[in-house]
Every structure is written in C-alpha cells, then in structure tokens.
Amino acid sequence: MCAAIFDYNDNDFIMPFNNKMGIDSKGNLMRRLDEYVALDMNSGKFHYTSPWTEDDDDK
C-alpha cells in the first residue's frame, strides 16, 4: 500500500488501494493514468496529483 497522494485540483488526498486505483475523502474513485495524473471515475475529469509511484511488489 502506498502513502496518500495529494490531488491539486480538489486540495484533497487520494488513498490508493493498489497501483492503479484509489479513493478520495469524498468517496470518488480515482484511476491512475500517469505518475502525476489521475482520472476521476465519477466525473470523468483529469486531476493533477503528487507523484503516484508504483509499488515494487506488484511488478
């Protein structure tokens, strides 16, 4: 499990539950697209984030 990711668009934190998916404090599912970009699965909007690093255990 990774540390919390900061979402610059919402000034909120995303708690990842694997390398590709996480959930923010409002309950929105977020899908990691890149190290610094996530997709809000509820609204379809892109969010800029702090680094969302990959977990070495899943490689």
PDB file of N, CA and C in Angstrom:
ATOM      1  N   MET A   1       0.838  -1.178   0.000  1.00  0.00           N
ATOM      2  CA  MET A   1       0.000   0.000   0.000  1.00  0.00           C
ATOM      3  C   MET A   1       0.880   1.236   0.000  1.00  0.00           C
ATOM      4  N   CYS A   2       0.506   2.220  -0.782  1.00  0.00           N
ATOM      5  CA  CYS A   2       1.269   3.447  -0.923  1.00  0.00           C
ATOM      6  C   CYS A   2       0.786   4.503   0.063  1.00  0.00           C
ATOM      7  N   ALA A   3       1.584   5.543   0.196  1.00  0.00           N
ATOM      8  CA  ALA A   3       1.191   6.686   1.013  1.00  0.00           C
ATOM      9  C   ALA A   3       0.122   7.487   0.275  1.00  0.00           C
ATOM     10  N   ALA A   4      -0.526   8.391   0.971  1.00  0.00           N
ATOM     11  CA  ALA A   4      -1.581   9.216   0.377  1.00  0.00           C
ATOM     12  C   ALA A   4      -1.019  10.081  -0.748  1.00  0.00           C
ATOM     13  N   ILE A   5      -1.816  10.285  -1.775  1.00  0.00           N
ATOM     14  CA  ILE A   5      -1.469  11.098  -2.928  1.00  0.00           C
ATOM     15  C   ILE A   5      -2.244  12.408  -2.814  1.00  0.00           C
ATOM     16  N   PHE A   6      -1.582  13.543  -3.044  1.00  0.00           N
ATOM     17  CA  PHE A   6      -2.278  14.824  -2.969  1.00  0.00           C
ATOM     18  C   PHE A   6      -2.879  15.167  -4.320  1.00  0.00           C
ATOM     19  N   ASP A   7      -4.154  15.540  -4.331  1.00  0.00           N
ATOM     20  CA  ASP A   7      -4.887  15.944  -5.528  1.00  0.00           C
ATOM     21  C   ASP A   7      -4.911  17.466  -5.567  1.00  0.00           C
ATOM     22  N   TYR A   8      -4.153  18.060  -6.495  1.00  0.00           N
ATOM     23  CA  TYR A   8      -4.051  19.516  -6.581  1.00  0.00           C
ATOM     24  C   TYR A   8      -5.344  20.167  -7.057  1.00  0.00           C
ATOM     25  N   ASN A   9      -6.164  19.477  -7.828  1.00  0.00           N
ATOM     26  CA  ASN A   9      -7.414  20.050  -8.313  1.00  0.00           C
ATOM     27  C   ASN A   9      -8.429  20.249  -7.196  1.00  0.00           C
ATOM     28  N   ASP A  10      -8.513  19.292  -6.284  1.00  0.00           N
ATOM     29  CA  ASP A  10      -9.509  19.348  -5.207  1.00  0.00           C
ATOM     30  C   ASP A  10      -8.926  19.719  -3.849  1.00  0.00           C
ATOM     31  N   ASN A  11      -7.591  19.897  -3.777  1.00  0.00           N
ATOM     32  CA  ASN A  11      -6.931  20.099  -2.475  1.00  0.00           C
ATOM     33  C   ASN A  11      -7.363  19.026  -1.493  1.00  0.00           C
ATOM     34  N   ASP A  12      -7.260  17.792  -1.935  1.00  0.00           N
ATOM     35  CA  ASP A  12      -7.745  16.628  -1.201  1.00  0.00           C
ATOM     36  C   ASP A  12      -6.685  15.531  -1.307  1.00  0.00           C
ATOM     37  N   PHE A  13      -6.846  14.477  -0.546  1.00  0.00           N
ATOM     38  CA  PHE A  13      -5.927  13.346  -0.599  1.00  0.00           C
ATOM     39  C   PHE A  13      -6.622  12.129  -1.194  1.00  0.00           C
ATOM     40  N   ILE A  14      -5.864  11.361  -1.961  1.00  0.00           N
ATOM     41  CA  ILE A  14      -6.323  10.099  -2.529  1.00  0.00           C
ATOM     42  C   ILE A  14      -5.606   8.984  -1.773  1.00  0.00           C
ATOM     43  N   MET A  15      -6.357   8.028  -1.284  1.00  0.00           N
ATOM     44  CA  MET A  15      -5.770   6.864  -0.619  1.00  0.00           C
ATOM     45  C   MET A  15      -5.777   5.703  -1.618  1.00  0.00           C
ATOM     46  N   PRO A  16      -4.606   5.361  -2.158  1.00  0.00           N
ATOM     47  CA  PRO A  16      -4.552   4.272  -3.135  1.00  0.00           C
ATOM     48  C   PRO A  16      -4.731   2.912  -2.470  1.00  0.00           C
ATOM     49  N   PHE A  17      -5.431   2.016  -3.155  1.00  0.00           N
ATOM     50  CA  PHE A  17      -5.547   0.646  -2.642  1.00  0.00           C
ATOM     51  C   PHE A  17      -4.826  -0.344  -3.538  1.00  0.00           C
ATOM     52  N   ASN A  18      -4.287   0.116  -4.665  1.00  0.00           N
ATOM     53  CA  ASN A  18      -3.329  -0.630  -5.478  1.00  0.00           C
ATOM     54  C   ASN A  18      -2.619   0.361  -6.390  1.00  0.00           C
ATOM     55  N   ASN A  19      -1.836  -0.113  -7.349  1.00  0.00           N
ATOM     56  CA  ASN A  19      -1.057   0.792  -8.202  1.00  0.00           C
ATOM     57  C   ASN A  19      -1.904   1.606  -9.161  1.00  0.00           C
ATOM     58  N   LYS A  20      -3.111   1.186  -9.428  1.00  0.00           N
ATOM     59  CA  LYS A  20      -3.927   1.851 -10.444  1.00  0.00           C
ATOM     60  C   LYS A  20      -5.178   2.546  -9.908  1.00  0.00           C
ATOM     61  N   MET A  21      -5.637   2.221  -8.730  1.00  0.00           N
ATOM     62  CA  MET A  21      -6.899   2.766  -8.227  1.00  0.00           C
ATOM     63  C   MET A  21      -6.742   3.313  -6.815  1.00  0.00           C
ATOM     64  N   GLY A  22      -7.549   4.330  -6.514  1.00  0.00           N
ATOM     65  CA  GLY A  22      -7.586   4.905  -5.179  1.00  0.00           C
ATOM     66  C   GLY A  22      -8.936   5.560  -4.953  1.00  0.00           C
ATOM     67  N   ILE A  23      -9.136   6.070  -3.756  1.00  0.00           N
ATOM     68  CA  ILE A  23     -10.389   6.726  -3.409  1.00  0.00           C
ATOM     69  C   ILE A  23     -10.066   7.982  -2.610  1.00  0.00           C
ATOM     70  N   ASP A  24     -10.797   9.065  -2.891  1.00  0.00           N
ATOM     71  CA  ASP A  24     -10.549  10.292  -2.136  1.00  0.00           C
ATOM     72  C   ASP A  24     -11.497  10.373  -0.942  1.00  0.00           C
ATOM     73  N   SER A  25     -11.381  11.446  -0.162  1.00  0.00           N
ATOM     74  CA  SER A  25     -12.171  11.554   1.070  1.00  0.00           C
ATOM     75  C   SER A  25     -13.660  11.738   0.805  1.00  0.00           C
ATOM     76  N   LYS A  26     -14.025  12.102  -0.425  1.00  0.00           N
ATOM     77  CA  LYS A  26     -15.448  12.260  -0.782  1.00  0.00           C
ATOM     78  C   LYS A  26     -16.045  10.974  -1.334  1.00  0.00           C
ATOM     79  N   GLY A  27     -15.224   9.926  -1.466  1.00  0.00           N
ATOM     80  CA  GLY A  27     -15.700   8.647  -1.974  1.00  0.00           C
ATOM     81  C   GLY A  27     -15.587   8.490  -3.476  1.00  0.00           C
ATOM     82  N   ASN A  28     -14.914   9.414  -4.159  1.00  0.00           N
ATOM     83  CA  ASN A  28     -14.750   9.326  -5.608  1.00  0.00           C
ATOM     84  C   ASN A  28     -13.626   8.352  -5.943  1.00  0.00           C
ATOM     85  N   LEU A  29     -13.901   7.444  -6.864  1.00  0.00           N
ATOM     86  CA  LEU A  29     -12.870   6.525  -7.342  1.00  0.00           C
ATOM     87  C   LEU A  29     -11.939   7.265  -8.293  1.00  0.00           C
ATOM     88  N   MET A  30     -10.637   7.069  -8.101  1.00  0.00           N
ATOM     89  CA  MET A  30      -9.632   7.712  -8.932  1.00  0.00           C
ATOM     90  C   MET A  30      -8.767   6.634  -9.567  1.00  0.00           C
ATOM     91  N   ARG A  31      -8.573   6.726 -10.876  1.00  0.00           N
ATOM     92  CA  ARG A  31      -7.727   5.767 -11.593  1.00  0.00           C
ATOM     93  C   ARG A  31      -6.452   6.472 -12.024  1.00  0.00           C
ATOM     94  N   ARG A  32      -5.335   5.880 -11.672  1.00  0.00           N
ATOM     95  CA  ARG A  32      -4.030   6.437 -12.028  1.00  0.00           C
ATOM     96  C   ARG A  32      -3.804   6.260 -13.518  1.00  0.00           C
ATOM     97  N   LEU A  33      -3.485   7.347 -14.215  1.00  0.00           N
ATOM     98  CA  LEU A  33      -3.173   7.294 -15.640  1.00  0.00           C
ATOM     99  C   LEU A  33      -1.681   7.459 -15.892  1.00  0.00           C
ATOM    100  N   ASP A  34      -1.044   8.225 -15.038  1.00  0.00           N
ATOM    101  CA  ASP A  34       0.377   8.515 -15.157  1.00  0.00           C
ATOM    102  C   ASP A  34       0.889   8.797 -13.749  1.00  0.00           C
ATOM    103  N   GLU A  35       2.167   9.057 -13.617  1.00  0.00           N
ATOM    104  CA  GLU A  35       2.728   9.310 -12.291  1.00  0.00           C
ATOM    105  C   GLU A  35       2.105  10.543 -11.642  1.00  0.00           C
ATOM    106  N   TYR A  36       1.676  11.535 -12.452  1.00  0.00           N
ATOM    107  CA  TYR A  36       1.141  12.786 -11.929  1.00  0.00           C
ATOM    108  C   TYR A  36      -0.294  13.074 -12.362  1.00  0.00           C
ATOM    109  N   VAL A  37      -0.986  12.116 -12.953  1.00  0.00           N
ATOM    110  CA  VAL A  37      -2.343  12.341 -13.453  1.00  0.00           C
ATOM    111  C   VAL A  37      -3.254  11.188 -13.031  1.00  0.00           C
ATOM    112  N   ALA A  38      -4.450  11.560 -12.555  1.00  0.00           N
ATOM    113  CA  ALA A  38      -5.467  10.563 -12.203  1.00  0.00           C
ATOM    114  C   ALA A  38      -6.784  10.962 -12.871  1.00  0.00           C
ATOM    115  N   LEU A  39      -7.612   9.975 -13.139  1.00  0.00           N
ATOM    116  CA  LEU A  39      -8.926  10.191 -13.733  1.00  0.00           C
ATOM    117  C   LEU A  39      -9.982   9.937 -12.677  1.00  0.00           C
ATOM    118  N   ASP A  40     -10.850  10.927 -12.458  1.00  0.00           N
ATOM    119  CA  ASP A  40     -11.980  10.767 -11.540  1.00  0.00           C
ATOM    120  C   ASP A  40     -13.018   9.909 -12.263  1.00  0.00           C
ATOM    121  N   MET A  41     -13.234   8.706 -11.779  1.00  0.00           N
ATOM    122  CA  MET A  41     -14.134   7.766 -12.447  1.00  0.00           C
ATOM    123  C   MET A  41     -15.600   8.187 -12.344  1.00  0.00           C
ATOM    124  N   ASN A  42     -15.936   9.055 -11.412  1.00  0.00           N
ATOM    125  CA  ASN A  42     -17.318   9.520 -11.262  1.00  0.00           C
ATOM    126  C   ASN A  42     -17.637  10.660 -12.230  1.00  0.00           C
ATOM    127  N   SER A  43     -16.712  11.610 -12.391  1.00  0.00           N
ATOM    128  CA  SER A  43     -16.986  12.776 -13.235  1.00  0.00           C
ATOM    129  C   SER A  43     -16.328  12.691 -14.608  1.00  0.00           C
ATOM    130  N   GLY A  44     -15.278  11.872 -14.741  1.00  0.00           N
ATOM    131  CA  GLY A  44     -14.551  11.775 -15.997  1.00  0.00           C
ATOM    132  C   GLY A  44     -13.501  12.861 -16.175  1.00  0.00           C
ATOM    133  N   LYS A  45     -13.227  13.646 -15.125  1.00  0.00           N
ATOM    134  CA  LYS A  45     -12.258  14.733 -15.201  1.00  0.00           C
ATOM    135  C   LYS A  45     -10.866  14.245 -14.809  1.00  0.00           C
ATOM    136  N   PHE A  46      -9.858  14.882 -15.416  1.00  0.00           N
ATOM    137  CA  PHE A  46      -8.473  14.603 -15.083  1.00  0.00           C
ATOM    138  C   PHE A  46      -8.062  15.438 -13.884  1.00  0.00           C
ATOM    139  N   HIS A  47      -7.239  14.858 -13.012  1.00  0.00           N
ATOM    140  CA  HIS A  47      -6.746  15.554 -11.827  1.00  0.00           C
ATOM    141  C   HIS A  47      -5.231  15.447 -11.794  1.00  0.00           C
ATOM    142  N   TYR A  48      -4.578  16.558 -11.495  1.00  0.00           N
ATOM    143  CA  TYR A  48      -3.122  16.581 -11.333  1.00  0.00           C
ATOM    144  C   TYR A  48      -2.802  16.255  -9.885  1.00  0.00           C
ATOM    145  N   THR A  49      -1.845  15.350  -9.695  1.00  0.00           N
ATOM    146  CA  THR A  49      -1.554  14.833  -8.362  1.00  0.00           C
ATOM    147  C   THR A  49      -0.063  14.907  -8.056  1.00  0.00           C
ATOM    148  N   SER A  50       0.246  14.687  -6.790  1.00  0.00           N
ATOM    149  CA  SER A  50       1.641  14.474  -6.425  1.00  0.00           C
ATOM    150  C   SER A  50       2.043  13.109  -6.982  1.00  0.00           C
ATOM    151  N   PRO A  51       3.315  12.766  -6.991  1.00  0.00           N
ATOM    152  CA  PRO A  51       3.746  11.503  -7.608  1.00  0.00           C
ATOM    153  C   PRO A  51       3.011  10.282  -7.060  1.00  0.00           C
ATOM    154  N   TRP A  52       2.485   9.498  -7.967  1.00  0.00           N
ATOM    155  CA  TRP A  52       1.786   8.257  -7.641  1.00  0.00           C
ATOM    156  C   TRP A  52       2.723   7.146  -8.079  1.00  0.00           C
ATOM    157  N   THR A  53       3.625   6.759  -7.200  1.00  0.00           N
ATOM    158  CA  THR A  53       4.660   5.797  -7.569  1.00  0.00           C
ATOM    159  C   THR A  53       4.106   4.379  -7.562  1.00  0.00           C
ATOM    160  N   GLU A  54       4.719   3.551  -8.377  1.00  0.00           N
ATOM    161  CA  GLU A  54       4.315   2.150  -8.444  1.00  0.00           C
ATOM    162  C   GLU A  54       4.928   1.378  -7.291  1.00  0.00           C
ATOM    163  N   ASP A  55       4.177   0.432  -6.768  1.00  0.00           N
ATOM    164  CA  ASP A  55       4.649  -0.431  -5.689  1.00  0.00           C
ATOM    165  C   ASP A  55       5.515  -1.514  -6.298  1.00  0.00           C
ATOM    166  N   ASP A  56       6.711  -1.719  -5.759  1.00  0.00           N
ATOM    167  CA  ASP A  56       7.630  -2.722  -6.296  1.00  0.00           C
ATOM    168  C   ASP A  56       7.113  -4.139  -6.187  1.00  0.00           C
ATOM    169  N   ASP A  57       6.204  -4.411  -5.233  1.00  0.00           N
ATOM    170  CA  ASP A  57       5.677  -5.760  -5.035  1.00  0.00           C
ATOM    171  C   ASP A  57       4.788  -6.217  -6.176  1.00  0.00           C
ATOM    172  N   ASP A  58       4.176  -5.285  -6.900  1.00  0.00           N
ATOM    173  CA  ASP A  58       3.235  -5.642  -7.968  1.00  0.00           C
ATOM    174  C   ASP A  58       3.902  -5.783  -9.320  1.00  0.00           C
ATOM    175  N   LYS A  59       5.197  -5.534  -9.413  1.00  0.00           N
ATOM    176  CA  LYS A  59       5.898  -5.630 -10.704  1.00  0.00           C
ATOM    177  C   LYS A  59       6.220  -7.055 -11.020  1.00  0.00           C
TER     178      LYS A  59
END
